[in-house]
Amino acid sequence: MEELNVSRLTATSYLSKLESKGLAVELKFWREYFYLSEKLFNLLISAFHLDIEKIDSIDSNG
């Protein structure tokens, strides 16, 4: 958070607002909380799978 020049409290407040608007999901792993944008995550996963399909079709066609 030092890189962003915001306190932990400020960052938590912003992330909570994103969560309340449905733009992020809070996940707890061990003692830490992480915030994930499901729409962005799904977009990245979809893009990755499209690349894999292209590679597979190129490999199978020689």
N, C-alpha and C. Protein backbone atom coordinates (compact mmCIF):
# COMPACT_ATOMS: atom_id res chain seq x y z
N MET A 1 0.81 -1.19 0.00
CA MET A 1 0.00 0.00 0.00
C MET A 1 0.86 1.25 0.00
N GLU A 2 2.11 1.09 0.40
CA GLU A 2 3.00 2.23 0.38
C GLU A 2 3.18 2.76 -1.04
N GLU A 3 3.19 1.86 -2.02
CA GLU A 3 3.35 2.27 -3.41
C GLU A 3 2.20 3.16 -3.87
N LEU A 4 1.04 2.96 -3.28
CA LEU A 4 -0.15 3.72 -3.66
C LEU A 4 -0.37 4.96 -2.81
N ASN A 5 0.44 5.11 -1.78
CA ASN A 5 0.33 6.25 -0.86
C ASN A 5 -1.05 6.35 -0.20
N VAL A 6 -1.60 5.19 0.19
CA VAL A 6 -2.85 5.16 0.94
C VAL A 6 -2.65 4.26 2.15
N SER A 7 -3.39 4.56 3.20
CA SER A 7 -3.31 3.73 4.40
C SER A 7 -4.11 2.45 4.19
N ARG A 8 -3.86 1.48 5.05
CA ARG A 8 -4.61 0.23 5.01
C ARG A 8 -6.10 0.49 5.22
N LEU A 9 -6.42 1.40 6.12
CA LEU A 9 -7.81 1.73 6.40
C LEU A 9 -8.50 2.33 5.16
N THR A 10 -7.80 3.21 4.46
CA THR A 10 -8.37 3.82 3.25
C THR A 10 -8.58 2.77 2.17
N ALA A 11 -7.58 1.91 1.97
CA ALA A 11 -7.69 0.87 0.96
C ALA A 11 -8.85 -0.07 1.27
N THR A 12 -8.99 -0.46 2.53
CA THR A 12 -10.09 -1.33 2.95
C THR A 12 -11.43 -0.66 2.71
N SER A 13 -11.51 0.62 2.98
CA SER A 13 -12.76 1.37 2.76
C SER A 13 -13.14 1.36 1.29
N TYR A 14 -12.15 1.65 0.41
CA TYR A 14 -12.42 1.66 -1.03
C TYR A 14 -12.84 0.27 -1.52
N LEU A 15 -12.14 -0.76 -1.06
CA LEU A 15 -12.46 -2.11 -1.49
C LEU A 15 -13.84 -2.56 -0.99
N SER A 16 -14.19 -2.15 0.21
CA SER A 16 -15.52 -2.46 0.74
C SER A 16 -16.62 -1.80 -0.09
N LYS A 17 -16.36 -0.59 -0.54
CA LYS A 17 -17.34 0.11 -1.40
C LYS A 17 -17.49 -0.62 -2.74
N LEU A 18 -16.38 -1.09 -3.31
CA LEU A 18 -16.45 -1.86 -4.55
C LEU A 18 -17.25 -3.14 -4.34
N GLU A 19 -17.03 -3.77 -3.20
CA GLU A 19 -17.76 -5.00 -2.88
C GLU A 19 -19.26 -4.73 -2.73
N SER A 20 -19.61 -3.64 -2.07
CA SER A 20 -21.04 -3.33 -1.85
C SER A 20 -21.76 -3.02 -3.15
N LYS A 21 -21.01 -2.57 -4.15
CA LYS A 21 -21.61 -2.28 -5.47
C LYS A 21 -21.56 -3.48 -6.41
N GLY A 22 -21.04 -4.61 -5.91
CA GLY A 22 -21.00 -5.82 -6.71
C GLY A 22 -19.84 -5.86 -7.70
N LEU A 23 -18.86 -5.00 -7.53
CA LEU A 23 -17.73 -4.95 -8.46
C LEU A 23 -16.55 -5.80 -8.00
N ALA A 24 -16.58 -6.26 -6.76
CA ALA A 24 -15.50 -7.09 -6.22
C ALA A 24 -16.08 -8.04 -5.19
N VAL A 25 -15.37 -9.12 -4.97
CA VAL A 25 -15.77 -10.12 -3.98
C VAL A 25 -14.63 -10.26 -2.97
N GLU A 26 -14.98 -10.25 -1.69
CA GLU A 26 -13.98 -10.42 -0.64
C GLU A 26 -13.76 -11.91 -0.39
N LEU A 27 -12.50 -12.31 -0.41
CA LEU A 27 -12.13 -13.70 -0.14
C LEU A 27 -11.15 -13.71 1.02
N LYS A 28 -11.35 -14.63 1.96
CA LYS A 28 -10.43 -14.74 3.08
C LYS A 28 -9.61 -15.99 2.90
N PHE A 29 -8.30 -15.82 2.94
CA PHE A 29 -7.38 -16.94 2.85
C PHE A 29 -6.41 -16.82 4.01
N TRP A 30 -6.52 -17.78 4.92
CA TRP A 30 -5.76 -17.79 6.15
C TRP A 30 -6.15 -16.56 6.97
N ARG A 31 -5.23 -15.63 7.19
CA ARG A 31 -5.56 -14.42 7.95
C ARG A 31 -5.67 -13.20 7.08
N GLU A 32 -5.56 -13.37 5.79
CA GLU A 32 -5.55 -12.24 4.86
C GLU A 32 -6.85 -12.19 4.07
N TYR A 33 -7.23 -11.00 3.69
CA TYR A 33 -8.39 -10.79 2.84
C TYR A 33 -7.92 -10.35 1.46
N PHE A 34 -8.55 -10.89 0.44
CA PHE A 34 -8.24 -10.54 -0.93
C PHE A 34 -9.55 -10.10 -1.59
N TYR A 35 -9.44 -9.20 -2.53
CA TYR A 35 -10.61 -8.73 -3.27
C TYR A 35 -10.41 -9.08 -4.73
N LEU A 36 -11.45 -9.67 -5.31
CA LEU A 36 -11.38 -10.16 -6.68
C LEU A 36 -12.52 -9.57 -7.49
N SER A 37 -12.19 -9.07 -8.65
CA SER A 37 -13.21 -8.66 -9.61
C SER A 37 -13.56 -9.89 -10.43
N GLU A 38 -14.73 -10.45 -10.18
CA GLU A 38 -15.12 -11.67 -10.89
C GLU A 38 -15.24 -11.45 -12.39
N LYS A 39 -15.76 -10.30 -12.80
CA LYS A 39 -15.90 -10.02 -14.24
C LYS A 39 -14.54 -9.97 -14.91
N LEU A 40 -13.59 -9.28 -14.29
CA LEU A 40 -12.24 -9.21 -14.85
C LEU A 40 -11.58 -10.57 -14.84
N PHE A 41 -11.72 -11.31 -13.76
CA PHE A 41 -11.14 -12.65 -13.65
C PHE A 41 -11.69 -13.55 -14.76
N ASN A 42 -13.00 -13.55 -14.96
CA ASN A 42 -13.62 -14.38 -15.99
C ASN A 42 -13.16 -13.97 -17.39
N LEU A 43 -13.00 -12.67 -17.60
CA LEU A 43 -12.51 -12.18 -18.89
C LEU A 43 -11.10 -12.68 -19.15
N LEU A 44 -10.24 -12.61 -18.15
CA LEU A 44 -8.87 -13.08 -18.31
C LEU A 44 -8.82 -14.59 -18.53
N ILE A 45 -9.65 -15.33 -17.81
CA ILE A 45 -9.69 -16.78 -18.00
C ILE A 45 -10.19 -17.12 -19.40
N SER A 46 -11.20 -16.42 -19.86
CA SER A 46 -11.73 -16.66 -21.21
C SER A 46 -10.68 -16.36 -22.26
N ALA A 47 -9.96 -15.28 -22.10
CA ALA A 47 -8.91 -14.92 -23.06
C ALA A 47 -7.83 -15.99 -23.07
N PHE A 48 -7.48 -16.49 -21.91
CA PHE A 48 -6.46 -17.54 -21.83
C PHE A 48 -6.92 -18.79 -22.55
N HIS A 49 -8.16 -19.18 -22.36
CA HIS A 49 -8.68 -20.38 -23.01
C HIS A 49 -8.74 -20.22 -24.52
N LEU A 50 -9.05 -19.02 -25.00
CA LEU A 50 -9.07 -18.79 -26.44
C LEU A 50 -7.68 -18.99 -27.02
N ASP A 51 -6.65 -18.52 -26.34
CA ASP A 51 -5.28 -18.70 -26.81
C ASP A 51 -4.91 -20.18 -26.84
N ILE A 52 -5.32 -20.92 -25.84
CA ILE A 52 -5.03 -22.35 -25.78
C ILE A 52 -5.70 -23.06 -26.96
N GLU A 53 -6.94 -22.70 -27.26
CA GLU A 53 -7.65 -23.33 -28.38
C GLU A 53 -6.94 -23.04 -29.69
N LYS A 54 -6.46 -21.82 -29.88
CA LYS A 54 -5.74 -21.48 -31.11
C LYS A 54 -4.46 -22.30 -31.22
N ILE A 55 -3.75 -22.41 -30.12
CA ILE A 55 -2.51 -23.18 -30.13
C ILE A 55 -2.79 -24.65 -30.44
N ASP A 56 -3.85 -25.20 -29.81
CA ASP A 56 -4.23 -26.59 -30.07
C ASP A 56 -4.59 -26.81 -31.53
N SER A 57 -5.33 -25.87 -32.14
CA SER A 57 -5.73 -26.05 -33.55
C SER A 57 -4.53 -25.93 -34.47
N ILE A 58 -3.58 -25.06 -34.12
CA ILE A 58 -2.36 -24.93 -34.93
C ILE A 58 -1.54 -26.19 -34.82
N ASP A 59 -1.39 -26.72 -33.62
CA ASP A 59 -0.60 -27.94 -33.40
C ASP A 59 -1.23 -29.13 -34.13
N SER A 60 -2.55 -29.24 -34.11
CA SER A 60 -3.19 -30.39 -34.72
C SER A 60 -3.20 -30.30 -36.25
N ASN A 61 -3.10 -29.07 -36.79
CA ASN A 61 -3.07 -28.91 -38.25
C ASN A 61 -1.65 -28.91 -38.79
N GLY A 62 -0.67 -29.00 -37.93
CA GLY A 62 0.71 -29.07 -38.37
C GLY A 62 1.29 -27.73 -38.42
